PDB file of N, CA and C in Angstrom:
ATOM      1  N   UNK A   1     -18.204 -29.592  -3.364  1.00  0.00           N
ATOM      2  CA  UNK A   1     -16.821 -29.058  -2.469  1.00  0.00           C
ATOM      3  C   UNK A   1     -16.835 -27.709  -2.180  1.00  0.00           C
ATOM      4  N   UNK A   2     -16.061 -27.620  -0.965  1.00  0.00           N
ATOM      5  CA  UNK A   2     -16.230 -26.571  -0.263  1.00  0.00           C
ATOM      6  C   UNK A   2     -15.106 -25.650  -0.402  1.00  0.00           C
ATOM      7  N   UNK A   3     -15.261 -24.105   0.106  1.00  0.00           N
ATOM      8  CA  UNK A   3     -14.186 -23.431  -0.170  1.00  0.00           C
ATOM      9  C   UNK A   3     -12.841 -23.683   0.056  1.00  0.00           C
ATOM     10  N   UNK A   4     -12.781 -24.605   1.485  1.00  0.00           N
ATOM     11  CA  UNK A   4     -11.560 -25.212   1.870  1.00  0.00           C
ATOM     12  C   UNK A   4     -10.951 -26.056   1.118  1.00  0.00           C
ATOM     13  N   UNK A   5     -11.774 -26.600   0.311  1.00  0.00           N
ATOM     14  CA  UNK A   5     -11.273 -27.856  -0.882  1.00  0.00           C
ATOM     15  C   UNK A   5     -10.346 -27.183  -1.782  1.00  0.00           C
ATOM     16  N   UNK A   6     -10.843 -26.001  -2.149  1.00  0.00           N
ATOM     17  CA  UNK A   6     -10.312 -25.083  -2.932  1.00  0.00           C
ATOM     18  C   UNK A   6      -8.792 -24.704  -3.051  1.00  0.00           C
ATOM     19  N   UNK A   7      -8.625 -24.195  -1.478  1.00  0.00           N
ATOM     20  CA  UNK A   7      -7.198 -23.679  -0.886  1.00  0.00           C
ATOM     21  C   UNK A   7      -6.322 -24.927  -0.977  1.00  0.00           C
ATOM     22  N   UNK A   8      -5.011 -24.849  -1.713  1.00  0.00           N
ATOM     23  CA  UNK A   8      -4.044 -25.812  -1.419  1.00  0.00           C
ATOM     24  C   UNK A   8      -3.270 -25.619  -0.345  1.00  0.00           C
ATOM     25  N   UNK A   9      -2.657 -26.582   0.189  1.00  0.00           N
ATOM     26  CA  UNK A   9      -1.897 -26.764   1.529  1.00  0.00           C
ATOM     27  C   UNK A   9      -1.010 -25.580   1.373  1.00  0.00           C
ATOM     28  N   UNK A  10       0.081 -25.797   0.358  1.00  0.00           N
ATOM     29  CA  UNK A  10       0.880 -24.860   0.184  1.00  0.00           C
ATOM     30  C   UNK A  10       0.788 -23.350   0.650  1.00  0.00           C
ATOM     31  N   UNK A  11      -0.157 -22.916  -0.177  1.00  0.00           N
ATOM     32  CA  UNK A  11      -0.573 -21.700  -0.371  1.00  0.00           C
ATOM     33  C   UNK A  11      -1.168 -21.401   1.468  1.00  0.00           C
ATOM     34  N   UNK A  12      -2.210 -22.332   1.856  1.00  0.00           N
ATOM     35  CA  UNK A  12      -2.629 -21.868   3.170  1.00  0.00           C
ATOM     36  C   UNK A  12      -1.440 -21.861   4.300  1.00  0.00           C
ATOM     37  N   UNK A  13      -0.434 -22.599   3.988  1.00  0.00           N
ATOM     38  CA  UNK A  13       0.766 -22.901   5.096  1.00  0.00           C
ATOM     39  C   UNK A  13       1.345 -21.441   5.037  1.00  0.00           C
ATOM     40  N   UNK A  14       1.677 -21.164   3.471  1.00  0.00           N
ATOM     41  CA  UNK A  14       2.244 -19.803   3.623  1.00  0.00           C
ATOM     42  C   UNK A  14       1.686 -18.599   3.934  1.00  0.00           C
ATOM     43  N   UNK A  15       0.466 -18.575   3.681  1.00  0.00           N
ATOM     44  CA  UNK A  15      -0.288 -17.236   4.263  1.00  0.00           C
ATOM     45  C   UNK A  15      -0.441 -17.581   5.867  1.00  0.00           C
ATOM     46  N   UNK A  16      -0.480 -18.424   6.375  1.00  0.00           N
ATOM     47  CA  UNK A  16      -0.559 -18.791   7.617  1.00  0.00           C
ATOM     48  C   UNK A  16       0.488 -18.163   8.426  1.00  0.00           C
ATOM     49  N   UNK A  17       1.882 -18.679   7.895  1.00  0.00           N
ATOM     50  CA  UNK A  17       3.057 -18.450   8.339  1.00  0.00           C
ATOM     51  C   UNK A  17       3.302 -16.818   8.339  1.00  0.00           C
ATOM     52  N   UNK A  18       3.345 -16.260   7.249  1.00  0.00           N
ATOM     53  CA  UNK A  18       3.535 -15.136   6.922  1.00  0.00           C
ATOM     54  C   UNK A  18       2.383 -13.884   7.472  1.00  0.00           C
ATOM     55  N   UNK A  19       1.148 -14.026   6.985  1.00  0.00           N
ATOM     56  CA  UNK A  19       0.109 -13.191   7.779  1.00  0.00           C
ATOM     57  C   UNK A  19       0.101 -13.507   9.077  1.00  0.00           C
ATOM     58  N   UNK A  20      -0.037 -14.789   9.529  1.00  0.00           N
ATOM     59  CA  UNK A  20      -0.530 -15.349  10.857  1.00  0.00           C
ATOM     60  C   UNK A  20       0.629 -14.766  12.013  1.00  0.00           C
ATOM     61  N   UNK A  21       1.984 -14.667  11.470  1.00  0.00           N
ATOM     62  CA  UNK A  21       2.977 -14.515  12.620  1.00  0.00           C
ATOM     63  C   UNK A  21       3.659 -12.994  12.231  1.00  0.00           C
ATOM     64  N   UNK A  22       3.442 -12.366  11.017  1.00  0.00           N
ATOM     65  CA  UNK A  22       3.973 -10.844  10.914  1.00  0.00           C
ATOM     66  C   UNK A  22       3.203 -10.085  11.808  1.00  0.00           C
ATOM     67  N   UNK A  23       4.130  -9.175  12.492  1.00  0.00           N
ATOM     68  CA  UNK A  23       5.398  -8.927  12.411  1.00  0.00           C
ATOM     69  C   UNK A  23       6.118  -9.942  13.419  1.00  0.00           C
ATOM     70  N   UNK A  24       7.554 -10.303  12.837  1.00  0.00           N
ATOM     71  CA  UNK A  24       8.091 -11.389  13.530  1.00  0.00           C
ATOM     72  C   UNK A  24       8.950 -10.583  14.524  1.00  0.00           C
ATOM     73  N   UNK A  25       9.548  -9.663  14.701  1.00  0.00           N
ATOM     74  CA  UNK A  25       9.996  -8.959  15.645  1.00  0.00           C
ATOM     75  C   UNK A  25       9.317  -7.957  16.429  1.00  0.00           C
ATOM     76  N   UNK A  26       9.483  -7.768  17.704  1.00  0.00           N
ATOM     77  CA  UNK A  26       9.944  -8.545  18.633  1.00  0.00           C
ATOM     78  C   UNK A  26       9.413 -10.027  19.014  1.00  0.00           C
ATOM     79  N   UNK A  27       7.891 -10.241  18.990  1.00  0.00           N
ATOM     80  CA  UNK A  27       7.574 -11.422  18.722  1.00  0.00           C
ATOM     81  C   UNK A  27       6.195 -11.400  17.771  1.00  0.00           C
ATOM     82  N   UNK A  28       5.814 -12.795  17.564  1.00  0.00           N
ATOM     83  CA  UNK A  28       4.824 -12.801  16.581  1.00  0.00           C
ATOM     84  C   UNK A  28       3.418 -11.731  16.811  1.00  0.00           C
ATOM     85  N   UNK A  29       2.826 -11.098  15.959  1.00  0.00           N
ATOM     86  CA  UNK A  29       1.507 -10.551  16.547  1.00  0.00           C
ATOM     87  C   UNK A  29       0.542 -11.063  17.027  1.00  0.00           C
ATOM     88  N   UNK A  30       0.193 -12.139  16.657  1.00  0.00           N
ATOM     89  CA  UNK A  30      -0.898 -13.142  17.106  1.00  0.00           C
ATOM     90  C   UNK A  30      -0.575 -13.362  18.352  1.00  0.00           C
ATOM     91  N   UNK A  31       0.609 -13.996  18.622  1.00  0.00           N
ATOM     92  CA  UNK A  31       1.028 -14.297  20.064  1.00  0.00           C
ATOM     93  C   UNK A  31       0.577 -13.098  21.076  1.00  0.00           C
ATOM     94  N   UNK A  32       1.075 -11.891  20.555  1.00  0.00           N
ATOM     95  CA  UNK A  32       1.235 -10.694  21.404  1.00  0.00           C
ATOM     96  C   UNK A  32      -0.585 -10.539  21.838  1.00  0.00           C
ATOM     97  N   UNK A  33      -1.227 -10.773  20.525  1.00  0.00           N
ATOM     98  CA  UNK A  33      -2.883 -10.417  20.740  1.00  0.00           C
ATOM     99  C   UNK A  33      -3.611 -11.393  21.774  1.00  0.00           C
ATOM    100  N   UNK A  34      -3.109 -12.730  21.566  1.00  0.00           N
ATOM    101  CA  UNK A  34      -3.760 -13.987  22.456  1.00  0.00           C
ATOM    102  C   UNK A  34      -2.923 -13.499  23.771  1.00  0.00           C
ATOM    103  N   UNK A  35      -1.893 -13.070  24.061  1.00  0.00           N
ATOM    104  CA  UNK A  35      -1.825 -12.879  25.617  1.00  0.00           C
ATOM    105  C   UNK A  35      -2.491 -11.488  26.092  1.00  0.00           C
ATOM    106  N   UNK A  36      -2.901 -10.540  25.357  1.00  0.00           N
ATOM    107  CA  UNK A  36      -3.830  -9.814  25.787  1.00  0.00           C
ATOM    108  C   UNK A  36      -5.107 -10.155  25.895  1.00  0.00           C
ATOM    109  N   UNK A  37      -5.592 -11.221  25.187  1.00  0.00           N
ATOM    110  CA  UNK A  37      -7.161 -11.712  25.068  1.00  0.00           C
ATOM    111  C   UNK A  37      -6.747 -12.303  26.512  1.00  0.00           C
ATOM    112  N   UNK A  38      -5.733 -13.271  27.051  1.00  0.00           N
ATOM    113  CA  UNK A  38      -5.851 -13.962  28.026  1.00  0.00           C
ATOM    114  C   UNK A  38      -5.896 -13.057  29.372  1.00  0.00           C
ATOM    115  N   UNK A  39      -5.058 -11.678  29.292  1.00  0.00           N
ATOM    116  CA  UNK A  39      -4.907 -11.139  30.505  1.00  0.00           C
ATOM    117  C   UNK A  39      -5.993 -10.043  30.490  1.00  0.00           C
ATOM    118  N   UNK A  40      -7.058 -10.136  29.738  1.00  0.00           N
ATOM    119  CA  UNK A  40      -8.202  -9.438  29.487  1.00  0.00           C
ATOM    120  C   UNK A  40      -8.030  -7.963  28.995  1.00  0.00           C
ATOM    121  N   UNK A  41      -6.929  -7.597  28.386  1.00  0.00           N
ATOM    122  CA  UNK A  41      -6.513  -6.245  27.957  1.00  0.00           C
ATOM    123  C   UNK A  41      -6.836  -6.320  26.584  1.00  0.00           C
ATOM    124  N   UNK A  42      -7.540  -6.867  25.929  1.00  0.00           N
ATOM    125  CA  UNK A  42      -7.767  -6.786  24.381  1.00  0.00           C
ATOM    126  C   UNK A  42      -9.405  -5.953  24.439  1.00  0.00           C
ATOM    127  N   UNK A  43      -9.096  -4.837  24.365  1.00  0.00           N
ATOM    128  CA  UNK A  43     -10.489  -4.078  24.281  1.00  0.00           C
ATOM    129  C   UNK A  43     -10.526  -3.086  23.311  1.00  0.00           C
ATOM    130  N   UNK A  44      -9.232  -2.374  22.631  1.00  0.00           N
ATOM    131  CA  UNK A  44      -9.571  -1.596  21.716  1.00  0.00           C
ATOM    132  C   UNK A  44      -9.772  -2.215  20.305  1.00  0.00           C
ATOM    133  N   UNK A  45     -10.815  -1.671  19.375  1.00  0.00           N
ATOM    134  CA  UNK A  45     -11.066  -2.029  18.475  1.00  0.00           C
ATOM    135  C   UNK A  45     -10.180  -2.332  17.086  1.00  0.00           C
ATOM    136  N   UNK A  46      -9.161  -1.982  17.453  1.00  0.00           N
ATOM    137  CA  UNK A  46      -7.949  -2.327  16.386  1.00  0.00           C
ATOM    138  C   UNK A  46      -7.047  -3.594  16.971  1.00  0.00           C
ATOM    139  N   UNK A  47      -7.056  -3.530  18.433  1.00  0.00           N
ATOM    140  CA  UNK A  47      -6.453  -4.848  18.569  1.00  0.00           C
ATOM    141  C   UNK A  47      -7.438  -6.300  18.517  1.00  0.00           C
ATOM    142  N   UNK A  48      -8.419  -5.821  18.627  1.00  0.00           N
ATOM    143  CA  UNK A  48      -9.348  -6.719  18.234  1.00  0.00           C
ATOM    144  C   UNK A  48      -9.570  -7.199  16.552  1.00  0.00           C
ATOM    145  N   UNK A  49      -9.364  -6.100  15.849  1.00  0.00           N
ATOM    146  CA  UNK A  49      -9.010  -6.369  14.348  1.00  0.00           C
ATOM    147  C   UNK A  49      -7.818  -7.012  13.884  1.00  0.00           C
ATOM    148  N   UNK A  50      -6.808  -6.612  14.779  1.00  0.00           N
ATOM    149  CA  UNK A  50      -5.699  -7.335  14.621  1.00  0.00           C
ATOM    150  C   UNK A  50      -5.384  -8.765  14.803  1.00  0.00           C
ATOM    151  N   UNK A  51      -6.276  -9.146  15.828  1.00  0.00           N
ATOM    152  CA  UNK A  51      -6.281 -10.708  16.295  1.00  0.00           C
ATOM    153  C   UNK A  51      -7.053 -11.577  15.432  1.00  0.00           C
ATOM    154  N   UNK A  52      -8.184 -11.229  15.069  1.00  0.00           N
ATOM    155  CA  UNK A  52      -8.963 -11.842  13.774  1.00  0.00           C
ATOM    156  C   UNK A  52      -8.120 -11.488  12.452  1.00  0.00           C
ATOM    157  N   UNK A  53      -7.357 -10.683  12.282  1.00  0.00           N
ATOM    158  CA  UNK A  53      -6.636 -10.510  11.044  1.00  0.00           C
ATOM    159  C   UNK A  53      -5.693 -11.648  10.988  1.00  0.00           C
ATOM    160  N   UNK A  54      -4.884 -11.883  12.161  1.00  0.00           N
ATOM    161  CA  UNK A  54      -3.712 -12.552  12.094  1.00  0.00           C
ATOM    162  C   UNK A  54      -4.171 -14.123  12.243  1.00  0.00           C
ATOM    163  N   UNK A  55      -5.378 -14.053  13.133  1.00  0.00           N
ATOM    164  CA  UNK A  55      -5.601 -15.447  13.492  1.00  0.00           C
ATOM    165  C   UNK A  55      -6.466 -16.040  12.546  1.00  0.00           C
ATOM    166  N   UNK A  56      -6.911 -15.531  11.480  1.00  0.00           N
ATOM    167  CA  UNK A  56      -7.993 -16.131  10.403  1.00  0.00           C
ATOM    168  C   UNK A  56      -6.958 -17.231   9.597  1.00  0.00           C
ATOM    169  N   UNK A  57      -5.857 -17.029   9.415  1.00  0.00           N
ATOM    170  CA  UNK A  57      -5.133 -18.191   8.479  1.00  0.00           C
ATOM    171  C   UNK A  57      -4.944 -19.390   9.490  1.00  0.00           C
ATOM    172  N   UNK A  58      -4.940 -19.141  10.702  1.00  0.00           N
ATOM    173  CA  UNK A  58      -4.760 -20.455  11.615  1.00  0.00           C
ATOM    174  C   UNK A  58      -5.927 -21.028  11.939  1.00  0.00           C
ATOM    175  N   UNK A  59      -7.203 -20.184  11.949  1.00  0.00           N
ATOM    176  CA  UNK A  59      -8.227 -20.860  11.905  1.00  0.00           C
ATOM    177  C   UNK A  59      -8.663 -21.790  10.560  1.00  0.00           C
ATOM    178  N   UNK A  60      -8.334 -21.264   9.545  1.00  0.00           N
ATOM    179  CA  UNK A  60      -8.799 -21.758   8.016  1.00  0.00           C
ATOM    180  C   UNK A  60      -7.612 -23.310   8.046  1.00  0.00           C
ATOM    181  N   UNK A  61      -6.631 -23.325   8.771  1.00  0.00           N
ATOM    182  CA  UNK A  61      -5.771 -24.661   8.814  1.00  0.00           C
ATOM    183  C   UNK A  61      -6.688 -25.354   9.657  1.00  0.00           C
ATOM    184  N   UNK A  62      -6.836 -24.861  10.762  1.00  0.00           N
ATOM    185  CA  UNK A  62      -7.528 -25.908  11.735  1.00  0.00           C
ATOM    186  C   UNK A  62      -8.791 -26.253  11.062  1.00  0.00           C
ATOM    187  N   UNK A  63      -9.647 -25.631  10.340  1.00  0.00           N
ATOM    188  CA  UNK A  63     -10.986 -26.195   9.765  1.00  0.00           C
ATOM    189  C   UNK A  63     -10.571 -26.950   8.593  1.00  0.00           C
ATOM    190  N   UNK A  64      -9.492 -26.878   7.803  1.00  0.00           N
ATOM    191  CA  UNK A  64      -9.142 -27.789   7.007  1.00  0.00           C
ATOM    192  C   UNK A  64      -8.573 -29.027   7.338  1.00  0.00           C
ATOM    193  N   UNK A  65      -7.938 -28.876   8.458  1.00  0.00           N
ATOM    194  CA  UNK A  65      -7.668 -30.305   9.150  1.00  0.00           C
ATOM    195  C   UNK A  65      -8.874 -30.923   9.641  1.00  0.00           C
ATOM    196  N   UNK A  66      -9.950 -30.316  10.210  1.00  0.00           N
ATOM    197  CA  UNK A  66     -10.927 -31.075  10.427  1.00  0.00           C
ATOM    198  C   UNK A  66     -11.743 -31.307   9.551  1.00  0.00           C
ATOM    199  N   UNK A  67     -11.735 -31.073   8.420  1.00  0.00           N
ATOM    200  CA  UNK A  67     -12.633 -31.163   7.200  1.00  0.00           C
ATOM    201  C   UNK A  67     -12.033 -32.461   6.621  1.00  0.00           C
ATOM    202  N   UNK A  68     -10.785 -32.553   6.886  1.00  0.00           N
ATOM    203  CA  UNK A  68     -10.279 -33.995   6.154  1.00  0.00           C
ATOM    204  C   UNK A  68     -10.285 -34.943   7.233  1.00  0.00           C
ATOM    205  N   UNK A  69     -10.273 -34.722   8.522  1.00  0.00           N
ATOM    206  CA  UNK A  69     -10.466 -35.612   9.528  1.00  0.00           C
ATOM    207  C   UNK A  69     -11.841 -36.115   9.226  1.00  0.00           C
ATOM    208  N   UNK A  70     -13.014 -35.471   9.191  1.00  0.00           N
ATOM    209  CA  UNK A  70     -14.051 -35.905   8.938  1.00  0.00           C
ATOM    210  C   UNK A  70     -14.379 -36.707   7.900  1.00  0.00           C
ATOM    211  N   UNK A  71     -13.697 -36.348   6.718  1.00  0.00           N
ATOM    212  CA  UNK A  71     -13.860 -37.028   5.537  1.00  0.00           C
ATOM    213  C   UNK A  71     -13.443 -38.296   5.471  1.00  0.00           C
ATOM    214  N   UNK A  72     -12.020 -38.393   6.242  1.00  0.00           N
ATOM    215  CA  UNK A  72     -11.472 -39.866   6.496  1.00  0.00           C
ATOM    216  C   UNK A  72     -12.318 -40.445   7.406  1.00  0.00           C
ATOM    217  N   UNK A  73     -13.125 -39.905   8.471  1.00  0.00           N
ATOM    218  CA  UNK A  73     -13.881 -40.934   9.028  1.00  0.00           C
ATOM    219  C   UNK A  73     -15.109 -41.527   8.317  1.00  0.00           C
ATOM    220  N   UNK A  74     -15.738 -40.921   7.482  1.00  0.00           N
ATOM    221  CA  UNK A  74     -16.542 -41.421   6.452  1.00  0.00           C
ATOM    222  C   UNK A  74     -16.423 -42.671   5.581  1.00  0.00           C
ATOM    223  N   UNK A  75     -14.879 -42.679   5.474  1.00  0.00           N
ATOM    224  CA  UNK A  75     -14.337 -43.578   4.457  1.00  0.00           C
ATOM    225  C   UNK A  75     -14.128 -45.128   5.014  1.00  0.00           C
TER     226      UNK A  75
END
């Protein structure tokens, strides 16, 4: 059993929506940081930390989905 198996879907979704998108106004923080990354403007350590912090829950969601898919493929 892995770390991802121990995280429930409701908890993971709630964390992804709250931490991953906060602050909500004027736009979700993770989207702002992704735009900065695509424009090549993500250079300050604080901005990189923000991207990692707000993006981590979404990475966990994708990893859990991939793990579920891999386990289904083995069945």
